[in-house]
Amino acid sequence: MKLEIRPRESVGPIRFGMSQNEIRELLASKFDEVPYKEDYLFRDDSFPDIGARVTYDNKSQPLRCVAVMLYYPSEPIFLGKNLLNQTSPMFRGQSLLSQTSEGLERWMRSIDTSIEVGLDGILSKRLGLFISFDFEDIDDEEYENYETEECIYRTHPETVTVFQEPFSIAS
């Protein structure tokens, strides 16, 4: 399912601030309510057939959407680019042929020069967008060639999370 990302507003038909019941009715898809404890700040519904996990503010009644995480099989589209697809369309007159972590980082930096890049992904606080990466282990032979003790590296985007409000990566 193609889901157009509109920073701080919506992800496809899901608008930030919608209630849990409104989203469940709107998506009309099988969902799993993610287990939680009463002291949790957030609650989640997972929609595996769509490839979305919707997060709600546990302090609001009714529960209101504050974030959406997208994963396969969803197709998160931002500025005409499918953020999870290995093949991507034209953007600003350039062919975007791959979704390597480095290529996606360059593309995101062209949109937001203040992005934060960590081993786990790319964060744009301004856009309320976090792209996490899958990791691949480095085998022992490759590891011997590394000067640091880092033994994993980012490969391709795995999830895209869109937030209503700014946040920072906890260190």
Protein backbone atom coordinates (compact mmCIF):
# COMPACT_ATOMS: atom_id res chain seq x y z
CA MET A 1 0.00 0.00 0.00
CA LYS A 2 1.43 3.38 -1.02
CA LEU A 3 1.31 5.85 1.85
CA GLU A 4 2.21 9.47 1.13
CA ILE A 5 4.08 11.10 4.01
CA ARG A 6 3.12 14.68 4.87
CA PRO A 7 5.47 15.71 7.70
CA ARG A 8 3.73 16.52 10.98
CA GLU A 9 0.30 16.03 9.31
CA SER A 10 -0.38 12.55 7.98
CA VAL A 11 0.78 9.22 6.63
CA GLY A 12 -1.53 8.16 3.80
CA PRO A 13 -5.09 8.40 5.17
CA ILE A 14 -3.88 8.39 8.80
CA ARG A 15 -3.85 11.90 10.26
CA PHE A 16 -2.05 12.72 13.48
CA GLY A 17 -4.56 13.27 16.27
CA MET A 18 -7.05 10.69 14.94
CA SER A 19 -8.47 8.36 17.58
CA GLN A 20 -7.58 4.68 17.78
CA ASN A 21 -11.14 3.74 16.78
CA GLU A 22 -11.11 6.10 13.78
CA ILE A 23 -7.88 4.57 12.51
CA ARG A 24 -9.08 1.00 13.01
CA GLU A 25 -12.25 1.78 11.06
CA LEU A 26 -10.40 3.71 8.36
CA LEU A 27 -7.82 0.99 7.68
CA ALA A 28 -10.39 -1.82 7.88
CA SER A 29 -7.57 -4.33 8.18
CA LYS A 30 -6.59 -7.03 10.61
CA PHE A 31 -4.70 -5.49 13.55
CA ASP A 32 -2.94 -6.62 16.69
CA GLU A 33 -3.03 -4.49 19.81
CA VAL A 34 0.55 -4.50 21.09
CA PRO A 35 0.72 -5.53 24.78
CA TYR A 36 1.35 -2.64 27.16
CA LYS A 37 1.41 -1.73 30.83
CA GLU A 38 -0.67 1.05 32.37
CA ASP A 39 2.43 3.16 33.10
CA TYR A 40 3.54 3.15 29.43
CA LEU A 41 3.42 6.55 27.74
CA PHE A 42 2.26 5.04 24.45
CA ARG A 43 0.09 2.23 23.08
CA ASP A 44 0.39 0.64 19.66
CA ASP A 45 -1.70 -1.16 17.06
CA SER A 46 0.13 -3.23 14.47
CA PHE A 47 -1.43 -3.64 11.00
CA PRO A 48 0.80 -6.37 9.47
CA ASP A 49 -1.14 -6.70 6.19
CA ILE A 50 -0.56 -3.00 5.52
CA GLY A 51 2.93 -2.79 7.04
CA ALA A 52 2.14 -0.14 9.66
CA ARG A 53 2.38 0.25 13.41
CA VAL A 54 0.37 3.16 14.79
CA THR A 55 1.38 4.71 18.12
CA TYR A 56 -1.13 6.47 20.36
CA ASP A 57 -0.63 8.80 23.32
CA ASN A 58 -1.65 6.72 26.35
CA LYS A 59 -2.50 9.89 28.33
CA SER A 60 -5.22 11.08 25.93
CA GLN A 61 -8.79 9.84 25.97
CA PRO A 62 -9.71 8.69 23.48
CA LEU A 63 -6.25 7.50 22.48
CA ARG A 64 -4.81 9.81 19.75
CA CYS A 65 -2.28 8.98 17.02
CA VAL A 66 1.17 10.54 17.56
CA ALA A 67 3.40 8.39 15.29
CA VAL A 68 3.28 5.82 12.50
CA MET A 69 6.02 3.30 11.75
CA LEU A 70 6.01 1.80 8.25
CA TYR A 71 7.64 -1.43 7.11
CA TYR A 72 7.24 -3.95 4.30
CA PRO A 73 4.78 -4.35 2.56
CA SER A 74 3.92 -0.64 2.86
CA GLU A 75 5.42 1.82 0.41
CA PRO A 76 6.17 5.05 2.30
CA ILE A 77 6.36 7.84 -0.27
CA PHE A 78 8.08 11.10 0.63
CA LEU A 79 8.66 13.79 -2.01
CA GLY A 80 8.03 11.22 -4.73
CA LYS A 81 10.56 8.73 -3.33
CA ASN A 82 9.69 5.30 -1.95
CA LEU A 83 11.84 5.25 1.19
CA LEU A 84 11.89 1.45 1.54
CA ASN A 85 12.11 0.36 -2.09
CA GLN A 86 15.46 -0.62 -3.61
CA THR A 87 14.43 0.97 -6.91
CA SER A 88 13.37 4.55 -6.74
CA PRO A 89 11.86 7.11 -9.12
CA MET A 90 13.27 10.38 -10.42
CA PHE A 91 13.55 13.19 -7.88
CA ARG A 92 14.62 16.74 -8.66
CA GLY A 93 15.85 15.58 -12.06
CA GLN A 94 18.13 12.84 -10.72
CA SER A 95 17.77 9.10 -10.98
CA LEU A 96 17.79 7.59 -7.52
CA LEU A 97 18.91 4.08 -8.33
CA SER A 98 19.60 2.60 -4.93
CA GLN A 99 18.60 2.90 -1.33
CA THR A 100 21.96 2.39 0.35
CA SER A 101 22.31 3.99 3.74
CA GLU A 102 24.88 6.41 2.33
CA GLY A 103 22.71 7.36 -0.66
CA LEU A 104 19.64 7.90 1.49
CA GLU A 105 21.70 9.94 3.95
CA ARG A 106 22.91 12.24 1.14
CA TRP A 107 19.35 12.60 -0.18
CA MET A 108 17.95 13.40 3.29
CA ARG A 109 20.75 15.90 3.94
CA SER A 110 19.81 17.70 0.71
CA ILE A 111 16.34 18.23 2.23
CA ASP A 112 17.36 18.85 5.85
CA THR A 113 20.97 19.80 6.61
CA SER A 114 20.38 19.27 10.35
CA ILE A 115 19.71 15.50 10.15
CA GLU A 116 21.25 13.29 12.81
CA VAL A 117 22.92 10.12 11.58
CA GLY A 118 23.60 7.19 13.88
CA LEU A 119 24.45 3.56 13.43
CA ASP A 120 20.74 2.73 13.69
CA GLY A 121 19.40 5.29 11.23
CA ILE A 122 18.75 8.83 10.08
CA LEU A 123 16.65 11.32 12.06
CA SER A 124 15.16 14.58 10.83
CA LYS A 125 13.70 16.38 13.83
CA ARG A 126 12.47 19.15 11.54
CA LEU A 127 10.45 16.73 9.42
CA GLY A 128 9.55 14.32 12.22
CA LEU A 129 11.04 11.45 10.24
CA PHE A 130 13.27 8.56 11.34
CA ILE A 131 14.58 5.96 8.88
CA SER A 132 16.02 2.87 10.56
CA PHE A 133 18.39 0.46 8.87
CA ASP A 134 18.76 -3.28 8.77
CA PHE A 135 22.13 -4.49 9.96
CA GLU A 136 24.38 -7.12 8.49
CA ASP A 137 26.97 -8.96 10.51
CA ILE A 138 30.56 -8.83 9.40
CA ASP A 139 32.18 -12.26 9.38
CA ASP A 140 35.40 -12.97 11.28
CA GLU A 141 37.61 -12.64 8.21
CA GLU A 142 36.21 -9.21 7.36
CA TYR A 143 36.37 -8.19 11.02
CA GLU A 144 40.14 -8.66 11.08
CA ASN A 145 40.41 -5.93 8.44
CA TYR A 146 38.61 -3.39 10.63
CA GLU A 147 40.58 -1.09 12.91
CA THR A 148 37.60 -0.55 15.23
CA GLU A 149 35.55 -3.05 17.17
CA GLU A 150 32.41 -2.19 15.22
CA CYS A 151 31.27 -5.49 13.75
CA ILE A 152 28.02 -4.54 12.03
CA TYR A 153 27.17 -2.09 9.30
CA ARG A 154 24.02 -0.52 7.94
CA THR A 155 22.65 -2.03 4.77
CA HIS A 156 19.21 -0.91 3.60
CA PRO A 157 16.28 0.95 5.14
CA GLU A 158 14.04 -1.30 7.22
CA THR A 159 11.43 1.03 8.73
CA VAL A 160 10.29 4.62 8.39
CA THR A 161 8.73 6.28 11.44
CA VAL A 162 6.83 9.55 11.11
CA PHE A 163 6.22 11.61 14.26
CA GLN A 164 3.77 14.36 15.04
CA GLU A 165 6.08 16.10 17.53
CA PRO A 166 9.86 16.57 17.62
CA PHE A 167 11.93 14.03 19.52
CA SER A 168 15.56 13.05 19.89
CA ILE A 169 17.38 9.74 19.80
CA ALA A 170 18.13 8.62 23.34
CA SER A 171 21.80 8.00 23.83
